[in-house]
Amino acid sequence: MGFIQDMIGMGDMTEQVIATDFLISAKTGVINYAMAISETATPEVRDILRRQLDVAIDTHEKVTSYMMKNGYYHVKDPQEQIRVDNQAAETVLAIPKP
């Protein structure tokens, strides 16, 4: 797939975009499970949802660690994160239109 990415000028961008989308989905899962737990009427369903919430939190942590290790996510350096985000936006804007 690197060949195709290089042809359209995205390089490693596709991996970063996929990881970012996965991170957003994991965050959404954590939020949704937490809300569902607060709205559930039975202890059995609450227990199931809590287990799913734990999985969602673990997934979020793994994706965050992966992104940090690869330089896609800078939770401790907002200025660097802004730079990375701007670079990603510039790359996307530079993709030739069909």
PDB file of N, CA and C in Angstrom:
ATOM      1  N   MET A   1       0.829  -1.196   0.000  1.00  0.00           N
ATOM      2  CA  MET A   1       0.000   0.000   0.000  1.00  0.00           C
ATOM      3  C   MET A   1       0.872   1.258   0.000  1.00  0.00           C
ATOM      4  N   GLY A   2       2.113   1.205   0.466  1.00  0.00           N
ATOM      5  CA  GLY A   2       2.995   2.364   0.482  1.00  0.00           C
ATOM      6  C   GLY A   2       3.152   2.985  -0.892  1.00  0.00           C
ATOM      7  N   PHE A   3       3.191   2.141  -1.923  1.00  0.00           N
ATOM      8  CA  PHE A   3       3.320   2.634  -3.292  1.00  0.00           C
ATOM      9  C   PHE A   3       2.168   3.548  -3.664  1.00  0.00           C
ATOM     10  N   ILE A   4       0.966   3.132  -3.335  1.00  0.00           N
ATOM     11  CA  ILE A   4      -0.222   3.945  -3.647  1.00  0.00           C
ATOM     12  C   ILE A   4      -0.197   5.239  -2.850  1.00  0.00           C
ATOM     13  N   GLN A   5       0.151   5.160  -1.581  1.00  0.00           N
ATOM     14  CA  GLN A   5       0.239   6.369  -0.755  1.00  0.00           C
ATOM     15  C   GLN A   5       1.246   7.344  -1.339  1.00  0.00           C
ATOM     16  N   ASP A   6       2.417   6.834  -1.768  1.00  0.00           N
ATOM     17  CA  ASP A   6       3.442   7.693  -2.342  1.00  0.00           C
ATOM     18  C   ASP A   6       2.972   8.314  -3.653  1.00  0.00           C
ATOM     19  N   MET A   7       2.223   7.551  -4.435  1.00  0.00           N
ATOM     20  CA  MET A   7       1.730   8.070  -5.712  1.00  0.00           C
ATOM     21  C   MET A   7       0.799   9.260  -5.515  1.00  0.00           C
ATOM     22  N   ILE A   8      -0.030   9.215  -4.486  1.00  0.00           N
ATOM     23  CA  ILE A   8      -0.971  10.316  -4.284  1.00  0.00           C
ATOM     24  C   ILE A   8      -0.426  11.344  -3.307  1.00  0.00           C
ATOM     25  N   GLY A   9       0.827  11.156  -2.880  1.00  0.00           N
ATOM     26  CA  GLY A   9       1.496  12.148  -2.051  1.00  0.00           C
ATOM     27  C   GLY A   9       1.135  12.114  -0.578  1.00  0.00           C
ATOM     28  N   MET A  10       0.667  10.984  -0.087  1.00  0.00           N
ATOM     29  CA  MET A  10       0.264  10.931   1.311  1.00  0.00           C
ATOM     30  C   MET A  10       1.286  10.255   2.205  1.00  0.00           C
ATOM     31  N   GLY A  11       2.235   9.486   1.669  1.00  0.00           N
ATOM     32  CA  GLY A  11       3.228   8.822   2.502  1.00  0.00           C
ATOM     33  C   GLY A  11       2.583   8.045   3.635  1.00  0.00           C
ATOM     34  N   ASP A  12       3.002   8.324   4.867  1.00  0.00           N
ATOM     35  CA  ASP A  12       2.458   7.628   6.050  1.00  0.00           C
ATOM     36  C   ASP A  12       1.131   8.207   6.515  1.00  0.00           C
ATOM     37  N   MET A  13       0.623   9.168   5.810  1.00  0.00           N
ATOM     38  CA  MET A  13      -0.600   9.858   6.224  1.00  0.00           C
ATOM     39  C   MET A  13      -1.770   8.899   6.407  1.00  0.00           C
ATOM     40  N   THR A  14      -1.909   7.914   5.534  1.00  0.00           N
ATOM     41  CA  THR A  14      -3.049   7.003   5.624  1.00  0.00           C
ATOM     42  C   THR A  14      -3.045   6.269   6.958  1.00  0.00           C
ATOM     43  N   GLU A  15      -1.885   5.822   7.402  1.00  0.00           N
ATOM     44  CA  GLU A  15      -1.796   5.132   8.692  1.00  0.00           C
ATOM     45  C   GLU A  15      -2.224   6.062   9.825  1.00  0.00           C
ATOM     46  N   GLN A  16      -1.785   7.305   9.765  1.00  0.00           N
ATOM     47  CA  GLN A  16      -2.149   8.274  10.800  1.00  0.00           C
ATOM     48  C   GLN A  16      -3.649   8.539  10.778  1.00  0.00           C
ATOM     49  N   VAL A  17      -4.227   8.649   9.599  1.00  0.00           N
ATOM     50  CA  VAL A  17      -5.670   8.906   9.483  1.00  0.00           C
ATOM     51  C   VAL A  17      -6.463   7.732  10.048  1.00  0.00           C
ATOM     52  N   ILE A  18      -6.042   6.512   9.727  1.00  0.00           N
ATOM     53  CA  ILE A  18      -6.740   5.331  10.238  1.00  0.00           C
ATOM     54  C   ILE A  18      -6.630   5.260  11.758  1.00  0.00           C
ATOM     55  N   ALA A  19      -5.434   5.505  12.284  1.00  0.00           N
ATOM     56  CA  ALA A  19      -5.238   5.466  13.738  1.00  0.00           C
ATOM     57  C   ALA A  19      -6.071   6.539  14.429  1.00  0.00           C
ATOM     58  N   THR A  20      -6.109   7.732  13.845  1.00  0.00           N
ATOM     59  CA  THR A  20      -6.906   8.819  14.432  1.00  0.00           C
ATOM     60  C   THR A  20      -8.387   8.465  14.431  1.00  0.00           C
ATOM     61  N   ASP A  21      -8.861   7.898  13.340  1.00  0.00           N
ATOM     62  CA  ASP A  21     -10.265   7.493  13.268  1.00  0.00           C
ATOM     63  C   ASP A  21     -10.573   6.421  14.308  1.00  0.00           C
ATOM     64  N   PHE A  22      -9.646   5.483  14.479  1.00  0.00           N
ATOM     65  CA  PHE A  22      -9.823   4.429  15.474  1.00  0.00           C
ATOM     66  C   PHE A  22      -9.848   5.020  16.881  1.00  0.00           C
ATOM     67  N   LEU A  23      -8.977   5.990  17.147  1.00  0.00           N
ATOM     68  CA  LEU A  23      -8.952   6.635  18.461  1.00  0.00           C
ATOM     69  C   LEU A  23     -10.271   7.357  18.742  1.00  0.00           C
ATOM     70  N   ILE A  24     -10.774   8.072  17.763  1.00  0.00           N
ATOM     71  CA  ILE A  24     -12.053   8.781  17.921  1.00  0.00           C
ATOM     72  C   ILE A  24     -13.175   7.775  18.194  1.00  0.00           C
ATOM     73  N   SER A  25     -13.151   6.661  17.475  1.00  0.00           N
ATOM     74  CA  SER A  25     -14.172   5.628  17.697  1.00  0.00           C
ATOM     75  C   SER A  25     -14.070   5.033  19.094  1.00  0.00           C
ATOM     76  N   ALA A  26     -12.846   4.804  19.556  1.00  0.00           N
ATOM     77  CA  ALA A  26     -12.659   4.260  20.910  1.00  0.00           C
ATOM     78  C   ALA A  26     -13.173   5.239  21.956  1.00  0.00           C
ATOM     79  N   LYS A  27     -12.875   6.527  21.773  1.00  0.00           N
ATOM     80  CA  LYS A  27     -13.371   7.540  22.716  1.00  0.00           C
ATOM     81  C   LYS A  27     -14.892   7.572  22.723  1.00  0.00           C
ATOM     82  N   THR A  28     -15.474   7.487  21.552  1.00  0.00           N
ATOM     83  CA  THR A  28     -16.935   7.487  21.445  1.00  0.00           C
ATOM     84  C   THR A  28     -17.521   6.272  22.151  1.00  0.00           C
ATOM     85  N   GLY A  29     -16.868   5.125  22.011  1.00  0.00           N
ATOM     86  CA  GLY A  29     -17.326   3.918  22.696  1.00  0.00           C
ATOM     87  C   GLY A  29     -17.308   4.081  24.204  1.00  0.00           C
ATOM     88  N   VAL A  30     -16.232   4.662  24.738  1.00  0.00           N
ATOM     89  CA  VAL A  30     -16.145   4.893  26.187  1.00  0.00           C
ATOM     90  C   VAL A  30     -17.300   5.781  26.639  1.00  0.00           C
ATOM     91  N   ILE A  31     -17.530   6.856  25.928  1.00  0.00           N
ATOM     92  CA  ILE A  31     -18.610   7.790  26.285  1.00  0.00           C
ATOM     93  C   ILE A  31     -19.967   7.095  26.225  1.00  0.00           C
ATOM     94  N   ASN A  32     -20.208   6.357  25.152  1.00  0.00           N
ATOM     95  CA  ASN A  32     -21.511   5.712  24.975  1.00  0.00           C
ATOM     96  C   ASN A  32     -21.769   4.623  26.020  1.00  0.00           C
ATOM     97  N   TYR A  33     -20.747   3.831  26.336  1.00  0.00           N
ATOM     98  CA  TYR A  33     -20.933   2.807  27.379  1.00  0.00           C
ATOM     99  C   TYR A  33     -21.195   3.453  28.730  1.00  0.00           C
ATOM    100  N   ALA A  34     -20.475   4.525  29.045  1.00  0.00           N
ATOM    101  CA  ALA A  34     -20.690   5.210  30.322  1.00  0.00           C
ATOM    102  C   ALA A  34     -22.123   5.756  30.416  1.00  0.00           C
ATOM    103  N   MET A  35     -22.597   6.343  29.325  1.00  0.00           N
ATOM    104  CA  MET A  35     -23.978   6.856  29.339  1.00  0.00           C
ATOM    105  C   MET A  35     -24.982   5.714  29.455  1.00  0.00           C
ATOM    106  N   ALA A  36     -24.733   4.627  28.742  1.00  0.00           N
ATOM    107  CA  ALA A  36     -25.660   3.489  28.797  1.00  0.00           C
ATOM    108  C   ALA A  36     -25.720   2.901  30.202  1.00  0.00           C
ATOM    109  N   ILE A  37     -24.574   2.825  30.874  1.00  0.00           N
ATOM    110  CA  ILE A  37     -24.559   2.302  32.253  1.00  0.00           C
ATOM    111  C   ILE A  37     -25.431   3.163  33.152  1.00  0.00           C
ATOM    112  N   SER A  38     -25.365   4.469  32.976  1.00  0.00           N
ATOM    113  CA  SER A  38     -26.151   5.360  33.838  1.00  0.00           C
ATOM    114  C   SER A  38     -27.648   5.291  33.545  1.00  0.00           C
ATOM    115  N   GLU A  39     -28.018   4.762  32.397  1.00  0.00           N
ATOM    116  CA  GLU A  39     -29.433   4.678  32.012  1.00  0.00           C
ATOM    117  C   GLU A  39     -30.024   3.278  32.168  1.00  0.00           C
ATOM    118  N   THR A  40     -29.222   2.322  32.559  1.00  0.00           N
ATOM    119  CA  THR A  40     -29.668   0.929  32.619  1.00  0.00           C
ATOM    120  C   THR A  40     -30.428   0.646  33.903  1.00  0.00           C
ATOM    121  N   ALA A  41     -31.485  -0.142  33.766  1.00  0.00           N
ATOM    122  CA  ALA A  41     -32.348  -0.410  34.914  1.00  0.00           C
ATOM    123  C   ALA A  41     -32.013  -1.707  35.645  1.00  0.00           C
ATOM    124  N   THR A  42     -31.263  -2.613  35.013  1.00  0.00           N
ATOM    125  CA  THR A  42     -31.005  -3.898  35.665  1.00  0.00           C
ATOM    126  C   THR A  42     -29.519  -4.093  35.963  1.00  0.00           C
ATOM    127  N   PRO A  43     -29.214  -4.716  37.087  1.00  0.00           N
ATOM    128  CA  PRO A  43     -27.812  -4.962  37.449  1.00  0.00           C
ATOM    129  C   PRO A  43     -27.088  -5.854  36.443  1.00  0.00           C
ATOM    130  N   GLU A  44     -27.799  -6.807  35.856  1.00  0.00           N
ATOM    131  CA  GLU A  44     -27.174  -7.719  34.896  1.00  0.00           C
ATOM    132  C   GLU A  44     -26.688  -6.971  33.660  1.00  0.00           C
ATOM    133  N   VAL A  45     -27.520  -6.096  33.149  1.00  0.00           N
ATOM    134  CA  VAL A  45     -27.141  -5.317  31.960  1.00  0.00           C
ATOM    135  C   VAL A  45     -26.015  -4.345  32.317  1.00  0.00           C
ATOM    136  N   ARG A  46     -26.106  -3.736  33.484  1.00  0.00           N
ATOM    137  CA  ARG A  46     -25.045  -2.828  33.937  1.00  0.00           C
ATOM    138  C   ARG A  46     -23.696  -3.547  34.003  1.00  0.00           C
ATOM    139  N   ASP A  47     -23.708  -4.776  34.495  1.00  0.00           N
ATOM    140  CA  ASP A  47     -22.477  -5.555  34.596  1.00  0.00           C
ATOM    141  C   ASP A  47     -21.889  -5.840  33.211  1.00  0.00           C
ATOM    142  N   ILE A  48     -22.732  -6.203  32.283  1.00  0.00           N
ATOM    143  CA  ILE A  48     -22.277  -6.453  30.908  1.00  0.00           C
ATOM    144  C   ILE A  48     -21.694  -5.173  30.305  1.00  0.00           C
ATOM    145  N   LEU A  49     -22.393  -4.075  30.502  1.00  0.00           N
ATOM    146  CA  LEU A  49     -21.912  -2.809  29.956  1.00  0.00           C
ATOM    147  C   LEU A  49     -20.601  -2.361  30.607  1.00  0.00           C
ATOM    148  N   ARG A  50     -20.446  -2.627  31.891  1.00  0.00           N
ATOM    149  CA  ARG A  50     -19.182  -2.288  32.564  1.00  0.00           C
ATOM    150  C   ARG A  50     -18.012  -3.070  31.972  1.00  0.00           C
ATOM    151  N   ARG A  51     -18.261  -4.347  31.688  1.00  0.00           N
ATOM    152  CA  ARG A  51     -17.195  -5.154  31.063  1.00  0.00           C
ATOM    153  C   ARG A  51     -16.847  -4.596  29.685  1.00  0.00           C
ATOM    154  N   GLN A  52     -17.865  -4.192  28.937  1.00  0.00           N
ATOM    155  CA  GLN A  52     -17.619  -3.607  27.616  1.00  0.00           C
ATOM    156  C   GLN A  52     -16.903  -2.259  27.741  1.00  0.00           C
ATOM    157  N   LEU A  53     -17.253  -1.495  28.772  1.00  0.00           N
ATOM    158  CA  LEU A  53     -16.576  -0.223  29.023  1.00  0.00           C
ATOM    159  C   LEU A  53     -15.092  -0.467  29.302  1.00  0.00           C
ATOM    160  N   ASP A  54     -14.785  -1.483  30.085  1.00  0.00           N
ATOM    161  CA  ASP A  54     -13.380  -1.813  30.363  1.00  0.00           C
ATOM    162  C   ASP A  54     -12.629  -2.129  29.072  1.00  0.00           C
ATOM    163  N   VAL A  55     -13.262  -2.867  28.177  1.00  0.00           N
ATOM    164  CA  VAL A  55     -12.630  -3.195  26.891  1.00  0.00           C
ATOM    165  C   VAL A  55     -12.411  -1.919  26.075  1.00  0.00           C
ATOM    166  N   ALA A  56     -13.405  -1.041  26.059  1.00  0.00           N
ATOM    167  CA  ALA A  56     -13.287   0.214  25.306  1.00  0.00           C
ATOM    168  C   ALA A  56     -12.167   1.086  25.869  1.00  0.00           C
ATOM    169  N   ILE A  57     -12.043   1.138  27.190  1.00  0.00           N
ATOM    170  CA  ILE A  57     -10.972   1.921  27.818  1.00  0.00           C
ATOM    171  C   ILE A  57      -9.613   1.317  27.470  1.00  0.00           C
ATOM    172  N   ASP A  58      -9.507   0.007  27.504  1.00  0.00           N
ATOM    173  CA  ASP A  58      -8.253  -0.665  27.156  1.00  0.00           C
ATOM    174  C   ASP A  58      -7.893  -0.406  25.689  1.00  0.00           C
ATOM    175  N   THR A  59      -8.870  -0.462  24.816  1.00  0.00           N
ATOM    176  CA  THR A  59      -8.631  -0.186  23.399  1.00  0.00           C
ATOM    177  C   THR A  59      -8.152   1.242  23.214  1.00  0.00           C
ATOM    178  N   HIS A  60      -8.797   2.177  23.885  1.00  0.00           N
ATOM    179  CA  HIS A  60      -8.389   3.582  23.803  1.00  0.00           C
ATOM    180  C   HIS A  60      -6.930   3.742  24.230  1.00  0.00           C
ATOM    181  N   GLU A  61      -6.552   3.088  25.319  1.00  0.00           N
ATOM    182  CA  GLU A  61      -5.177   3.189  25.817  1.00  0.00           C
ATOM    183  C   GLU A  61      -4.181   2.621  24.807  1.00  0.00           C
ATOM    184  N   LYS A  62      -4.514   1.497  24.190  1.00  0.00           N
ATOM    185  CA  LYS A  62      -3.612   0.875  23.216  1.00  0.00           C
ATOM    186  C   LYS A  62      -3.449   1.750  21.975  1.00  0.00           C
ATOM    187  N   VAL A  63      -4.541   2.308  21.486  1.00  0.00           N
ATOM    188  CA  VAL A  63      -4.459   3.158  20.295  1.00  0.00           C
ATOM    189  C   VAL A  63      -3.692   4.440  20.621  1.00  0.00           C
ATOM    190  N   THR A  64      -3.953   5.020  21.788  1.00  0.00           N
ATOM    191  CA  THR A  64      -3.234   6.226  22.198  1.00  0.00           C
ATOM    192  C   THR A  64      -1.736   5.945  22.285  1.00  0.00           C
ATOM    193  N   SER A  65      -1.351   4.838  22.899  1.00  0.00           N
ATOM    194  CA  SER A  65       0.064   4.476  23.017  1.00  0.00           C
ATOM    195  C   SER A  65       0.699   4.287  21.647  1.00  0.00           C
ATOM    196  N   TYR A  66      -0.008   3.612  20.756  1.00  0.00           N
ATOM    197  CA  TYR A  66       0.494   3.396  19.391  1.00  0.00           C
ATOM    198  C   TYR A  66       0.726   4.728  18.680  1.00  0.00           C
ATOM    199  N   MET A  67      -0.253   5.618  18.798  1.00  0.00           N
ATOM    200  CA  MET A  67      -0.140   6.910  18.121  1.00  0.00           C
ATOM    201  C   MET A  67       0.992   7.753  18.707  1.00  0.00           C
ATOM    202  N   MET A  68       1.149   7.715  20.017  1.00  0.00           N
ATOM    203  CA  MET A  68       2.228   8.466  20.651  1.00  0.00           C
ATOM    204  C   MET A  68       3.590   7.910  20.229  1.00  0.00           C
ATOM    205  N   LYS A  69       3.699   6.588  20.198  1.00  0.00           N
ATOM    206  CA  LYS A  69       4.958   5.943  19.819  1.00  0.00           C
ATOM    207  C   LYS A  69       5.354   6.295  18.382  1.00  0.00           C
ATOM    208  N   ASN A  70       4.369   6.464  17.521  1.00  0.00           N
ATOM    209  CA  ASN A  70       4.628   6.743  16.111  1.00  0.00           C
ATOM    210  C   ASN A  70       4.634   8.235  15.771  1.00  0.00           C
ATOM    211  N   GLY A  71       4.496   9.080  16.794  1.00  0.00           N
ATOM    212  CA  GLY A  71       4.571  10.522  16.567  1.00  0.00           C
ATOM    213  C   GLY A  71       3.318  11.150  15.986  1.00  0.00           C
ATOM    214  N   TYR A  72       2.183  10.447  16.090  1.00  0.00           N
ATOM    215  CA  TYR A  72       0.922  10.961  15.559  1.00  0.00           C
ATOM    216  C   TYR A  72       0.123  11.737  16.600  1.00  0.00           C
ATOM    217  N   TYR A  73       0.432  11.531  17.877  1.00  0.00           N
ATOM    218  CA  TYR A  73      -0.393  12.089  18.944  1.00  0.00           C
ATOM    219  C   TYR A  73       0.526  12.577  20.052  1.00  0.00           C
ATOM    220  N   HIS A  74       0.404  13.841  20.394  1.00  0.00           N
ATOM    221  CA  HIS A  74       1.294  14.469  21.375  1.00  0.00           C
ATOM    222  C   HIS A  74       0.460  15.048  22.517  1.00  0.00           C
ATOM    223  N   VAL A  75       0.077  14.190  23.451  1.00  0.00           N
ATOM    224  CA  VAL A  75      -0.817  14.611  24.530  1.00  0.00           C
ATOM    225  C   VAL A  75      -0.145  15.568  25.509  1.00  0.00           C
ATOM    226  N   LYS A  76       1.179  15.526  25.600  1.00  0.00           N
ATOM    227  CA  LYS A  76       1.888  16.383  26.550  1.00  0.00           C
ATOM    228  C   LYS A  76       2.479  17.630  25.907  1.00  0.00           C
ATOM    229  N   ASP A  77       2.311  17.785  24.599  1.00  0.00           N
ATOM    230  CA  ASP A  77       2.894  18.921  23.888  1.00  0.00           C
ATOM    231  C   ASP A  77       1.877  19.468  22.880  1.00  0.00           C
ATOM    232  N   PRO A  78       0.956  20.323  23.348  1.00  0.00           N
ATOM    233  CA  PRO A  78      -0.095  20.835  22.462  1.00  0.00           C
ATOM    234  C   PRO A  78       0.446  21.555  21.226  1.00  0.00           C
ATOM    235  N   GLN A  79       1.552  22.282  21.366  1.00  0.00           N
ATOM    236  CA  GLN A  79       2.108  22.988  20.211  1.00  0.00           C
ATOM    237  C   GLN A  79       2.574  21.998  19.135  1.00  0.00           C
ATOM    238  N   GLU A  80       3.191  20.908  19.566  1.00  0.00           N
ATOM    239  CA  GLU A  80       3.614  19.889  18.601  1.00  0.00           C
ATOM    240  C   GLU A  80       2.404  19.221  17.965  1.00  0.00           C
ATOM    241  N   GLN A  81       1.345  18.991  18.750  1.00  0.00           N
ATOM    242  CA  GLN A  81       0.138  18.386  18.197  1.00  0.00           C
ATOM    243  C   GLN A  81      -0.489  19.307  17.154  1.00  0.00           C
ATOM    244  N   ILE A  82      -0.498  20.594  17.427  1.00  0.00           N
ATOM    245  CA  ILE A  82      -1.025  21.558  16.452  1.00  0.00           C
ATOM    246  C   ILE A  82      -0.191  21.497  15.176  1.00  0.00           C
ATOM    247  N   ARG A  83       1.139  21.415  15.320  1.00  0.00           N
ATOM    248  CA  ARG A  83       2.007  21.325  14.148  1.00  0.00           C
ATOM    249  C   ARG A  83       1.704  20.065  13.332  1.00  0.00           C
ATOM    250  N   VAL A  84       1.565  18.932  14.011  1.00  0.00           N
ATOM    251  CA  VAL A  84       1.263  17.667  13.330  1.00  0.00           C
ATOM    252  C   VAL A  84      -0.097  17.753  12.633  1.00  0.00           C
ATOM    253  N   ASP A  85      -1.089  18.313  13.315  1.00  0.00           N
ATOM    254  CA  ASP A  85      -2.428  18.450  12.719  1.00  0.00           C
ATOM    255  C   ASP A  85      -2.404  19.361  11.504  1.00  0.00           C
ATOM    256  N   ASN A  86      -1.669  20.467  11.605  1.00  0.00           N
ATOM    257  CA  ASN A  86      -1.557  21.384  10.460  1.00  0.00           C
ATOM    258  C   ASN A  86      -0.866  20.715   9.282  1.00  0.00           C
ATOM    259  N   GLN A  87       0.177  19.951   9.561  1.00  0.00           N
ATOM    260  CA  GLN A  87       0.889  19.233   8.510  1.00  0.00           C
ATOM    261  C   GLN A  87      -0.049  18.231   7.825  1.00  0.00           C
ATOM    262  N   ALA A  88      -0.855  17.537   8.619  1.00  0.00           N
ATOM    263  CA  ALA A  88      -1.814  16.584   8.060  1.00  0.00           C
ATOM    264  C   ALA A  88      -2.832  17.302   7.185  1.00  0.00           C
ATOM    265  N   ALA A  89      -3.314  18.446   7.645  1.00  0.00           N
ATOM    266  CA  ALA A  89      -4.290  19.212   6.865  1.00  0.00           C
ATOM    267  C   ALA A  89      -3.675  19.696   5.551  1.00  0.00           C
ATOM    268  N   GLU A  90      -2.436  20.175   5.599  1.00  0.00           N
ATOM    269  CA  GLU A  90      -1.763  20.629   4.379  1.00  0.00           C
ATOM    270  C   GLU A  90      -1.572  19.486   3.389  1.00  0.00           C
ATOM    271  N   THR A  91      -1.239  18.312   3.902  1.00  0.00           N
ATOM    272  CA  THR A  91      -1.065  17.135   3.033  1.00  0.00           C
ATOM    273  C   THR A  91      -2.370  16.792   2.348  1.00  0.00           C
ATOM    274  N   VAL A  92      -3.443  16.805   3.090  1.00  0.00           N
ATOM    275  CA  VAL A  92      -4.753  16.475   2.521  1.00  0.00           C
ATOM    276  C   VAL A  92      -5.143  17.519   1.471  1.00  0.00           C
ATOM    277  N   LEU A  93      -4.918  18.779   1.761  1.00  0.00           N
ATOM    278  CA  LEU A  93      -5.271  19.829   0.803  1.00  0.00           C
ATOM    279  C   LEU A  93      -4.435  19.771  -0.475  1.00  0.00           C
ATOM    280  N   ALA A  94      -3.239  19.188  -0.381  1.00  0.00           N
ATOM    281  CA  ALA A  94      -2.355  19.109  -1.542  1.00  0.00           C
ATOM    282  C   ALA A  94      -2.638  17.899  -2.448  1.00  0.00           C
ATOM    283  N   ILE A  95      -3.548  17.034  -2.040  1.00  0.00           N
ATOM    284  CA  ILE A  95      -3.872  15.857  -2.862  1.00  0.00           C
ATOM    285  C   ILE A  95      -4.527  16.340  -4.145  1.00  0.00           C
ATOM    286  N   PRO A  96      -4.005  15.872  -5.281  1.00  0.00           N
ATOM    287  CA  PRO A  96      -4.609  16.284  -6.559  1.00  0.00           C
ATOM    288  C   PRO A  96      -6.063  15.863  -6.649  1.00  0.00           C
ATOM    289  N   LYS A  97      -6.857  16.749  -7.145  1.00  0.00           N
ATOM    290  CA  LYS A  97      -8.289  16.466  -7.313  1.00  0.00           C
ATOM    291  C   LYS A  97      -8.480  15.743  -8.649  1.00  0.00           C
ATOM    292  N   PRO A  98      -9.370  14.764  -8.680  1.00  0.00           N
ATOM    293  CA  PRO A  98      -9.587  14.010  -9.942  1.00  0.00           C
ATOM    294  C   PRO A  98     -10.243  14.862 -10.993  1.00  0.00           C
TER     295      PRO A  98
END
